[in-house]
Amino acid sequence: MSDIAEIGAATARLLLRAGALMVAGERPFILAGGWASPVYVDCRRLIGVPELARGITDVLECFVRLRFGEPPPFGIVAGGETAGIPWAAWLSERLALPMRYVRKRPLGIGRHAQVEGGEVTGSRVLLVDDLITDGRSKVAFARGLRAGGAEARDVLVLFHNHAFPGCAERLEAEGLRLHALADWSDLLGLPADEPLLTTEDRRVIGQFLADPAGWSEAHEGRRADQG
């Protein structure tokens, strides 16, 4: 892969092969923040299939080297609990960098730790997670890393579900830059004859993305005026 567009398409195909794209029947999925959606991307499906996990790790490594250059400008890779932990571990091994993981909130017992695996004081950290929807958990992770003395300003995810409002503003207010391997445009940009993305799936996704907040409200999910 030589450019970001190729990375998006490769990620989309791996997600489909893992069965990570799920289209609801009668009952919608309830996402972060209470939003209702007819579609859900379950990146955890990638973890359990070694071939697909290696494939996404290849893509992550390629993305980091293309986007950040050689050597990367950070000294630690940190995974957000829980879904970001395996990707951070596999990526840190590829990059020969230390790995940590960060909780949404301090543990509350023992050392009352929020960051595990070692110190982050004085280090620039790349925060890795599987998916982002509203950005709230990424803000919590970044604050935890910063409380531990790290410089945390870059967030890397496998998939960006950018359907609902608030995420970009939330990250910007926190001084965070988002990097995503793929989003809805990459899935919908696959060739029309892609067997794992049916015409009906495309129709459902397209209809939803035309008015995600309206779809959510109509299906007893969060409303746009709730922020």
Protein backbone atom coordinates (compact mmCIF):
# COMPACT_ATOMS: atom_id res chain seq x y z
CA MET A 1 0.00 0.00 0.00
CA SER A 2 1.45 3.29 -1.09
CA ASP A 3 -1.25 5.81 -0.15
CA ILE A 4 -3.99 6.46 2.38
CA ALA A 5 -6.81 5.66 -0.08
CA GLU A 6 -5.45 2.14 -0.55
CA ILE A 7 -5.30 1.74 3.21
CA GLY A 8 -8.98 2.67 3.53
CA ALA A 9 -10.06 0.11 0.93
CA ALA A 10 -7.87 -2.62 2.44
CA THR A 11 -9.30 -1.97 5.90
CA ALA A 12 -12.87 -2.01 4.58
CA ARG A 13 -12.33 -5.39 2.92
CA LEU A 14 -10.80 -6.88 6.06
CA LEU A 15 -13.75 -5.63 8.13
CA LEU A 16 -16.18 -7.28 5.71
CA ARG A 17 -14.23 -10.54 5.72
CA ALA A 18 -14.41 -10.58 9.52
CA GLY A 19 -18.17 -10.07 9.46
CA ALA A 20 -17.65 -6.82 11.34
CA LEU A 21 -20.34 -4.91 9.42
CA MET A 22 -23.73 -5.73 10.91
CA VAL A 23 -27.04 -4.47 9.56
CA ALA A 24 -29.96 -4.52 12.00
CA GLY A 25 -33.32 -6.08 11.39
CA GLU A 26 -36.29 -4.78 13.33
CA ARG A 27 -34.34 -3.55 16.37
CA PRO A 28 -31.63 -0.89 15.90
CA PHE A 29 -28.22 -0.92 17.53
CA ILE A 30 -27.67 1.55 20.38
CA LEU A 31 -24.26 3.17 20.05
CA ALA A 32 -22.08 5.35 22.27
CA GLY A 33 -23.98 8.26 23.72
CA GLY A 34 -27.36 6.61 23.15
CA TRP A 35 -27.55 7.05 19.38
CA ALA A 36 -29.69 4.50 17.51
CA SER A 37 -28.30 3.10 14.26
CA PRO A 38 -29.29 0.41 11.73
CA VAL A 39 -25.63 -0.49 11.23
CA TYR A 40 -22.81 -1.42 13.58
CA VAL A 41 -19.12 -2.01 12.95
CA ASP A 42 -17.75 -4.58 15.40
CA CYS A 43 -13.98 -4.33 15.03
CA ARG A 44 -13.54 -6.94 17.75
CA ARG A 45 -14.40 -9.56 15.13
CA LEU A 46 -10.91 -8.98 13.68
CA ILE A 47 -9.11 -9.98 16.88
CA GLY A 48 -10.12 -13.64 16.83
CA VAL A 49 -8.96 -14.53 13.30
CA PRO A 50 -5.14 -14.60 13.10
CA GLU A 51 -5.01 -13.92 9.36
CA LEU A 52 -7.27 -10.88 9.65
CA ALA A 53 -5.55 -9.60 12.80
CA ARG A 54 -2.19 -9.76 11.00
CA GLY A 55 -3.75 -8.03 8.01
CA ILE A 56 -5.01 -5.09 10.04
CA THR A 57 -1.70 -4.88 11.91
CA ASP A 58 0.06 -4.67 8.53
CA VAL A 59 -2.28 -1.82 7.60
CA LEU A 60 -1.73 -0.04 10.91
CA GLU A 61 2.04 -0.23 10.50
CA CYS A 62 1.84 1.02 6.93
CA PHE A 63 -0.45 3.90 7.93
CA VAL A 64 1.83 5.02 10.76
CA ARG A 65 4.90 5.00 8.53
CA LEU A 66 3.10 6.91 5.76
CA ARG A 67 1.41 9.46 8.01
CA PHE A 68 4.11 10.08 10.60
CA GLY A 69 7.33 9.25 8.77
CA GLU A 70 10.47 7.40 9.86
CA PRO A 71 11.11 7.16 12.72
CA PRO A 72 7.66 7.94 14.17
CA PRO A 73 7.60 11.02 16.40
CA PHE A 74 6.21 9.23 19.46
CA GLY A 75 7.96 6.97 21.92
CA ILE A 76 5.08 4.88 23.27
CA VAL A 77 1.97 3.22 21.83
CA ALA A 78 -0.97 3.09 24.25
CA GLY A 79 -4.17 1.07 23.81
CA GLY A 80 -7.50 2.20 25.18
CA GLU A 81 -9.26 -0.38 27.33
CA THR A 82 -10.32 -2.89 26.22
CA ALA A 83 -10.63 -3.06 22.45
CA GLY A 84 -7.56 -0.94 21.75
CA ILE A 85 -5.19 -3.07 23.80
CA PRO A 86 -4.44 -5.86 21.28
CA TRP A 87 -3.93 -3.41 18.41
CA ALA A 88 -1.56 -1.30 20.49
CA ALA A 89 0.36 -4.42 21.50
CA TRP A 90 0.72 -5.72 17.94
CA LEU A 91 1.55 -2.28 16.52
CA SER A 92 4.12 -1.49 19.21
CA GLU A 93 5.88 -4.77 18.43
CA ARG A 94 6.05 -3.88 14.74
CA LEU A 95 7.41 -0.43 15.54
CA ALA A 96 9.77 -1.72 18.28
CA LEU A 97 8.26 0.74 20.76
CA PRO A 98 7.11 0.32 24.37
CA MET A 99 3.40 -0.38 24.91
CA ARG A 100 1.04 0.78 27.63
CA TYR A 101 -2.70 0.69 28.15
CA VAL A 102 -4.99 3.29 29.62
CA ARG A 103 -8.32 3.03 31.42
CA LYS A 104 -11.26 5.39 31.05
CA ARG A 105 -10.90 6.19 34.74
CA PRO A 106 -8.48 5.31 37.56
CA LEU A 107 -8.75 1.76 38.88
CA GLY A 108 -9.77 2.83 42.37
CA ILE A 109 -7.69 0.24 44.22
CA GLY A 110 -3.99 -0.40 44.77
CA ARG A 111 -2.02 2.30 43.00
CA HIS A 112 -5.25 3.93 41.77
CA ALA A 113 -3.67 3.61 38.33
CA GLN A 114 -5.17 4.78 35.06
CA VAL A 115 -2.14 3.93 32.91
CA GLU A 116 -0.71 0.42 33.09
CA GLY A 117 2.50 -1.19 31.82
CA GLY A 118 5.00 1.41 32.96
CA GLU A 119 5.64 5.13 33.14
CA VAL A 120 4.66 7.58 30.41
CA THR A 121 6.10 10.73 31.99
CA GLY A 122 7.79 12.95 29.42
CA SER A 123 6.90 10.70 26.46
CA ARG A 124 4.83 11.48 23.40
CA VAL A 125 2.19 8.76 23.13
CA LEU A 126 0.12 7.47 20.21
CA LEU A 127 -3.31 6.47 21.53
CA VAL A 128 -4.77 3.48 19.66
CA ASP A 129 -8.35 2.21 19.75
CA ASP A 130 -10.61 0.17 17.49
CA LEU A 131 -13.44 2.61 16.75
CA ILE A 132 -14.61 6.14 17.44
CA THR A 133 -18.19 7.43 17.41
CA ASP A 134 -18.67 10.38 19.74
CA GLY A 135 -15.08 10.71 21.00
CA ARG A 136 -15.90 10.74 24.71
CA SER A 137 -13.83 7.68 25.61
CA LYS A 138 -10.85 9.01 23.62
CA VAL A 139 -10.98 12.24 25.62
CA ALA A 140 -11.00 10.20 28.86
CA PHE A 141 -8.03 8.14 27.67
CA ALA A 142 -6.06 11.23 26.64
CA ARG A 143 -6.71 12.90 29.96
CA GLY A 144 -5.52 9.78 31.75
CA LEU A 145 -2.30 9.73 29.76
CA ARG A 146 -1.73 13.42 30.37
CA ALA A 147 -2.38 12.98 34.08
CA GLY A 148 0.45 10.44 33.98
CA GLY A 149 2.78 13.03 32.47
CA ALA A 150 2.52 12.05 28.80
CA GLU A 151 2.12 14.21 25.74
CA ALA A 152 -1.00 12.81 24.06
CA ARG A 153 -2.34 14.51 20.97
CA ASP A 154 -2.74 11.81 18.29
CA VAL A 155 -5.51 9.19 18.23
CA LEU A 156 -5.43 6.31 15.75
CA VAL A 157 -8.50 4.11 15.21
CA LEU A 158 -9.41 1.34 12.80
CA PHE A 159 -12.82 2.80 11.93
CA HIS A 160 -14.38 6.24 12.28
CA ASN A 161 -18.17 6.17 12.59
CA HIS A 162 -18.60 9.85 11.76
CA ALA A 163 -22.37 9.74 11.39
CA PHE A 164 -23.30 11.69 14.50
CA PRO A 165 -22.43 15.25 15.58
CA GLY A 166 -20.06 16.30 18.33
CA CYS A 167 -17.01 14.11 17.87
CA ALA A 168 -14.83 16.51 15.89
CA GLU A 169 -15.63 19.41 18.20
CA ARG A 170 -14.97 17.31 21.28
CA LEU A 171 -11.55 16.19 20.05
CA GLU A 172 -10.60 19.68 18.90
CA ALA A 173 -11.49 21.14 22.29
CA GLU A 174 -9.19 18.55 23.89
CA GLY A 175 -6.33 19.24 21.46
CA LEU A 176 -6.55 15.80 19.86
CA ARG A 177 -5.96 14.88 16.20
CA LEU A 178 -7.85 11.92 14.82
CA HIS A 179 -6.35 9.43 12.35
CA ALA A 180 -8.57 6.61 11.03
CA LEU A 181 -7.78 3.70 8.74
CA ALA A 182 -11.29 3.73 7.28
CA ASP A 183 -14.75 5.26 7.52
CA TRP A 184 -18.13 4.88 5.79
CA SER A 185 -16.81 6.34 2.54
CA ASP A 186 -14.27 3.52 2.29
CA LEU A 187 -16.92 0.84 2.77
CA LEU A 188 -19.34 2.45 0.31
CA GLY A 189 -16.47 3.14 -2.09
CA LEU A 190 -15.77 -0.55 -2.65
CA PRO A 191 -16.74 -1.88 -6.10
CA ALA A 192 -20.43 -2.53 -6.63
CA ASP A 193 -19.75 -6.24 -7.14
CA GLU A 194 -18.17 -6.66 -3.68
CA PRO A 195 -19.97 -9.85 -2.54
CA LEU A 196 -19.78 -9.09 1.19
CA LEU A 197 -21.49 -5.69 0.84
CA THR A 198 -24.90 -6.24 -0.68
CA THR A 199 -27.03 -3.76 -2.57
CA GLU A 200 -29.47 -3.77 0.34
CA ASP A 201 -26.66 -3.04 2.83
CA ARG A 202 -25.59 -0.09 0.70
CA ARG A 203 -29.18 1.19 0.57
CA VAL A 204 -29.63 0.94 4.35
CA ILE A 205 -26.29 2.65 5.07
CA GLY A 206 -26.91 5.41 2.52
CA GLN A 207 -30.40 6.11 3.84
CA PHE A 208 -29.09 6.24 7.40
CA LEU A 209 -26.14 8.51 6.59
CA ALA A 210 -28.46 11.00 4.86
CA ASP A 211 -29.91 11.90 8.30
CA PRO A 212 -28.32 9.91 11.15
CA ALA A 213 -29.72 12.07 13.96
CA GLY A 214 -33.20 11.95 12.44
CA TRP A 215 -32.95 8.17 12.05
CA SER A 216 -31.88 7.85 15.67
CA GLU A 217 -34.74 9.98 16.97
CA ALA A 218 -37.27 8.07 14.86
CA HIS A 219 -36.04 4.81 16.40
CA GLU A 220 -36.12 5.91 20.06
CA GLY A 221 -32.45 6.82 20.22
CA ARG A 222 -30.70 10.06 21.12
CA ARG A 223 -31.95 13.27 19.50
CA ALA A 224 -29.77 15.93 17.87
CA ASP A 225 -30.93 18.54 20.40
CA GLN A 226 -29.46 16.40 23.19
CA GLY A 227 -25.95 17.32 21.94
